[in-house]
Amino acid sequence: MKKDEVPQDNNDLHKQTFKQLFYAVDNDGDYVKVPSVGWEPENVAMAQAWDEVNDRIAQAKEKVLQGEVSPIAYYMEKSLMDISILAGHVGKFQWQVKRHFKPANFNKLSDKMLQRYAAAFQISVQELLQVK
C-alpha cells in the first residue's frame, strides 16, 4: 500500500482508542510508518462493539445499585475482564470469584481479599466498596 492510500476515514471513535499504525511505501519505495484513523467499515464495527461493551457495563452497574450483584461484577465489566482473567489476577478459582458476585458473600470478604480485587481493577478499596 502506498503512503497516500492508507485509510483516513474521519470518525470520532478513535478519540477514545488509539490510532492504528500502518507500514506503507513512500515515493522513494521505502517503508514508512503512517498513522491511520481507520476506514469506515472497520469504524462502524468498532463502534458497535464499544456500544455492546458500554451496555454490559451499564447493566452491571444497575444490578449493583439494585443489590443483585456485588461491585466486583461491575468493575470486572468496566475493566474488560471475564471471570477467568479476574480469577487469575486475584489468585482464586473461578467458582470462588462467582461466589463473590453475591452481595452477602462480598460483604464477608477480608480486607486482604478486597485489596486484591481493588489492585486487579486498579482502584482503591473505597472505590470498590462504593459504585457511583
C-alpha atoms as a PDB file:
ATOM      1  CA  MET A   1       0.000   0.000   0.000  1.00  0.00           C
ATOM      2  CA  LYS A   2       1.277   3.438  -0.849  1.00  0.00           C
ATOM      3  CA  LYS A   3       1.580   6.131   1.781  1.00  0.00           C
ATOM      4  CA  ASP A   4      -1.271   8.202   0.343  1.00  0.00           C
ATOM      5  CA  GLU A   5      -3.587   5.140   0.185  1.00  0.00           C
ATOM      6  CA  VAL A   6      -3.643   4.496   3.957  1.00  0.00           C
ATOM      7  CA  PRO A   7      -7.301   4.773   5.114  1.00  0.00           C
ATOM      8  CA  GLN A   8      -8.121   8.041   6.852  1.00  0.00           C
ATOM      9  CA  ASP A   9     -11.923   7.967   7.179  1.00  0.00           C
ATOM     10  CA  ASN A  10     -12.569  10.512   9.894  1.00  0.00           C
ATOM     11  CA  ASN A  11     -14.508   9.156  12.834  1.00  0.00           C
ATOM     12  CA  ASP A  12     -14.906  10.162  16.491  1.00  0.00           C
ATOM     13  CA  LEU A  13     -14.325   6.543  17.538  1.00  0.00           C
ATOM     14  CA  HIS A  14     -10.557   6.952  17.544  1.00  0.00           C
ATOM     15  CA  LYS A  15     -10.737   9.776  20.067  1.00  0.00           C
ATOM     16  CA  GLN A  16     -11.326   7.101  22.721  1.00  0.00           C
ATOM     17  CA  THR A  17      -8.976   4.493  21.276  1.00  0.00           C
ATOM     18  CA  PHE A  18      -5.525   4.534  19.765  1.00  0.00           C
ATOM     19  CA  LYS A  19      -4.801   5.272  16.163  1.00  0.00           C
ATOM     20  CA  GLN A  20      -3.554   2.371  14.126  1.00  0.00           C
ATOM     21  CA  LEU A  21      -0.106   2.255  12.658  1.00  0.00           C
ATOM     22  CA  PHE A  22       0.370   1.039   9.116  1.00  0.00           C
ATOM     23  CA  TYR A  23       3.504   0.490   7.125  1.00  0.00           C
ATOM     24  CA  ALA A  24       3.273   1.934   3.644  1.00  0.00           C
ATOM     25  CA  VAL A  25       5.598   2.640   0.765  1.00  0.00           C
ATOM     26  CA  ASP A  26       6.582   6.268   0.180  1.00  0.00           C
ATOM     27  CA  ASN A  27       7.532   7.871  -3.145  1.00  0.00           C
ATOM     28  CA  ASP A  28      11.103   6.594  -2.829  1.00  0.00           C
ATOM     29  CA  GLY A  29       9.953   2.988  -2.365  1.00  0.00           C
ATOM     30  CA  ASP A  30      10.912   2.906   1.316  1.00  0.00           C
ATOM     31  CA  TYR A  31       8.623   1.575   4.030  1.00  0.00           C
ATOM     32  CA  VAL A  32       7.410   4.293   6.392  1.00  0.00           C
ATOM     33  CA  LYS A  33       5.092   4.349   9.392  1.00  0.00           C
ATOM     34  CA  VAL A  34       1.743   6.013   8.715  1.00  0.00           C
ATOM     35  CA  PRO A  35      -0.867   6.590  11.453  1.00  0.00           C
ATOM     36  CA  SER A  36      -4.459   5.944  10.425  1.00  0.00           C
ATOM     37  CA  VAL A  37      -7.874   6.558  11.933  1.00  0.00           C
ATOM     38  CA  GLY A  38      -9.162   3.542  10.033  1.00  0.00           C
ATOM     39  CA  TRP A  39     -11.728   3.087   7.339  1.00  0.00           C
ATOM     40  CA  GLU A  40     -15.496   3.283   7.537  1.00  0.00           C
ATOM     41  CA  PRO A  41     -16.463  -0.439   7.741  1.00  0.00           C
ATOM     42  CA  GLU A  42     -13.917  -1.019  10.473  1.00  0.00           C
ATOM     43  CA  ASN A  43     -15.037   2.102  12.368  1.00  0.00           C
ATOM     44  CA  VAL A  44     -18.693   1.017  12.209  1.00  0.00           C
ATOM     45  CA  ALA A  45     -17.817  -2.437  13.540  1.00  0.00           C
ATOM     46  CA  MET A  46     -15.703  -0.964  16.335  1.00  0.00           C
ATOM     47  CA  ALA A  47     -18.461   1.485  17.287  1.00  0.00           C
ATOM     48  CA  GLN A  48     -20.939  -1.390  17.522  1.00  0.00           C
ATOM     49  CA  ALA A  49     -18.536  -3.394  19.665  1.00  0.00           C
ATOM     50  CA  TRP A  50     -17.972  -0.464  22.038  1.00  0.00           C
ATOM     51  CA  ASP A  51     -21.741   0.110  22.260  1.00  0.00           C
ATOM     52  CA  GLU A  52     -22.123  -3.511  23.364  1.00  0.00           C
ATOM     53  CA  VAL A  53     -19.366  -3.123  25.957  1.00  0.00           C
ATOM     54  CA  ASN A  54     -20.923   0.073  27.311  1.00  0.00           C
ATOM     55  CA  ASP A  55     -24.344  -1.616  27.525  1.00  0.00           C
ATOM     56  CA  ARG A  56     -22.871  -4.502  29.523  1.00  0.00           C
ATOM     57  CA  ILE A  57     -21.177  -2.054  31.890  1.00  0.00           C
ATOM     58  CA  ALA A  58     -24.427  -0.118  32.380  1.00  0.00           C
ATOM     59  CA  GLN A  59     -26.373  -3.329  33.043  1.00  0.00           C
ATOM     60  CA  ALA A  60     -23.809  -4.481  35.595  1.00  0.00           C
ATOM     61  CA  LYS A  61     -23.910  -1.098  37.328  1.00  0.00           C
ATOM     62  CA  GLU A  62     -27.698  -1.215  37.514  1.00  0.00           C
ATOM     63  CA  LYS A  63     -27.591  -4.701  39.045  1.00  0.00           C
ATOM     64  CA  VAL A  64     -25.095  -3.498  41.661  1.00  0.00           C
ATOM     65  CA  LEU A  65     -27.247  -0.486  42.533  1.00  0.00           C
ATOM     66  CA  GLN A  66     -30.284  -2.770  42.886  1.00  0.00           C
ATOM     67  CA  GLY A  67     -28.332  -5.088  45.195  1.00  0.00           C
ATOM     68  CA  GLU A  68     -28.487  -8.077  42.859  1.00  0.00           C
ATOM     69  CA  VAL A  69     -24.710  -8.465  42.479  1.00  0.00           C
ATOM     70  CA  SER A  70     -21.596  -7.161  44.199  1.00  0.00           C
ATOM     71  CA  PRO A  71     -19.432  -4.331  42.834  1.00  0.00           C
ATOM     72  CA  ILE A  72     -16.997  -6.962  41.569  1.00  0.00           C
ATOM     73  CA  ALA A  73     -19.330  -7.703  38.646  1.00  0.00           C
ATOM     74  CA  TYR A  74     -19.417  -4.021  37.647  1.00  0.00           C
ATOM     75  CA  TYR A  75     -15.685  -3.442  37.873  1.00  0.00           C
ATOM     76  CA  MET A  76     -14.988  -6.699  36.029  1.00  0.00           C
ATOM     77  CA  GLU A  77     -17.088  -5.480  33.081  1.00  0.00           C
ATOM     78  CA  LYS A  78     -15.619  -1.982  33.283  1.00  0.00           C
ATOM     79  CA  SER A  79     -12.096  -3.428  33.197  1.00  0.00           C
ATOM     80  CA  LEU A  80     -12.959  -5.604  30.171  1.00  0.00           C
ATOM     81  CA  MET A  81     -12.243  -8.791  32.092  1.00  0.00           C
ATOM     82  CA  ASP A  82     -14.034 -12.104  32.301  1.00  0.00           C
ATOM     83  CA  ILE A  83     -14.190 -14.431  35.275  1.00  0.00           C
ATOM     84  CA  SER A  84     -11.145 -16.479  34.284  1.00  0.00           C
ATOM     85  CA  ILE A  85      -8.961 -13.392  33.865  1.00  0.00           C
ATOM     86  CA  LEU A  86     -10.168 -11.879  37.130  1.00  0.00           C
ATOM     87  CA  ALA A  87      -9.666 -15.163  38.980  1.00  0.00           C
ATOM     88  CA  GLY A  88      -6.082 -15.258  37.745  1.00  0.00           C
ATOM     89  CA  HIS A  89      -5.452 -11.688  38.923  1.00  0.00           C
ATOM     90  CA  VAL A  90      -6.791 -12.276  42.438  1.00  0.00           C
ATOM     91  CA  GLY A  91      -5.407 -15.802  42.851  1.00  0.00           C
ATOM     92  CA  LYS A  92      -8.765 -17.545  43.258  1.00  0.00           C
ATOM     93  CA  PHE A  93     -10.647 -20.236  41.398  1.00  0.00           C
ATOM     94  CA  GLN A  94     -13.415 -19.116  39.049  1.00  0.00           C
ATOM     95  CA  TRP A  95     -16.106 -20.615  41.266  1.00  0.00           C
ATOM     96  CA  GLN A  96     -14.788 -18.564  44.189  1.00  0.00           C
ATOM     97  CA  VAL A  97     -14.957 -15.345  42.186  1.00  0.00           C
ATOM     98  CA  LYS A  98     -18.518 -16.218  41.140  1.00  0.00           C
ATOM     99  CA  ARG A  99     -19.418 -16.614  44.820  1.00  0.00           C
ATOM    100  CA  HIS A 100     -18.013 -13.148  45.489  1.00  0.00           C
ATOM    101  CA  PHE A 101     -20.552 -11.760  42.996  1.00  0.00           C
ATOM    102  CA  LYS A 102     -23.235 -12.404  45.623  1.00  0.00           C
ATOM    103  CA  PRO A 103     -23.595  -9.328  47.859  1.00  0.00           C
ATOM    104  CA  ALA A 104     -23.837 -11.460  51.023  1.00  0.00           C
ATOM    105  CA  ASN A 105     -20.522 -13.175  50.250  1.00  0.00           C
ATOM    106  CA  PHE A 106     -18.887  -9.935  49.107  1.00  0.00           C
ATOM    107  CA  ASN A 107     -19.748  -8.264  52.421  1.00  0.00           C
ATOM    108  CA  LYS A 108     -17.851 -11.014  54.265  1.00  0.00           C
ATOM    109  CA  LEU A 109     -14.603 -10.616  52.304  1.00  0.00           C
ATOM    110  CA  SER A 110     -11.481  -9.847  54.284  1.00  0.00           C
ATOM    111  CA  ASP A 111      -9.603  -6.577  53.850  1.00  0.00           C
ATOM    112  CA  LYS A 112      -6.806  -8.550  52.180  1.00  0.00           C
ATOM    113  CA  MET A 113      -9.201 -10.013  49.593  1.00  0.00           C
ATOM    114  CA  LEU A 114     -10.809  -6.622  48.966  1.00  0.00           C
ATOM    115  CA  GLN A 115      -7.327  -5.223  48.390  1.00  0.00           C
ATOM    116  CA  ARG A 116      -6.610  -7.960  45.824  1.00  0.00           C
ATOM    117  CA  TYR A 117      -9.768  -7.085  43.913  1.00  0.00           C
ATOM    118  CA  ALA A 118      -9.015  -3.367  44.110  1.00  0.00           C
ATOM    119  CA  ALA A 119      -5.486  -3.975  42.821  1.00  0.00           C
ATOM    120  CA  ALA A 120      -6.827  -6.104  39.958  1.00  0.00           C
ATOM    121  CA  PHE A 121      -9.153  -3.261  38.936  1.00  0.00           C
ATOM    122  CA  GLN A 122      -6.512  -0.597  39.648  1.00  0.00           C
ATOM    123  CA  ILE A 123      -8.793   1.264  42.045  1.00  0.00           C
ATOM    124  CA  SER A 124      -8.849   1.888  45.789  1.00  0.00           C
ATOM    125  CA  VAL A 125     -10.729  -0.347  48.197  1.00  0.00           C
ATOM    126  CA  GLN A 126     -13.015   2.613  48.921  1.00  0.00           C
ATOM    127  CA  GLU A 127     -13.935   2.854  45.223  1.00  0.00           C
ATOM    128  CA  LEU A 128     -14.555  -0.902  45.156  1.00  0.00           C
ATOM    129  CA  LEU A 129     -16.988  -0.631  48.048  1.00  0.00           C
ATOM    130  CA  GLN A 130     -18.959   2.289  46.577  1.00  0.00           C
ATOM    131  CA  VAL A 131     -20.115   2.180  42.980  1.00  0.00           C
ATOM    132  CA  LYS A 132     -21.106   5.651  41.841  1.00  0.00           C
END
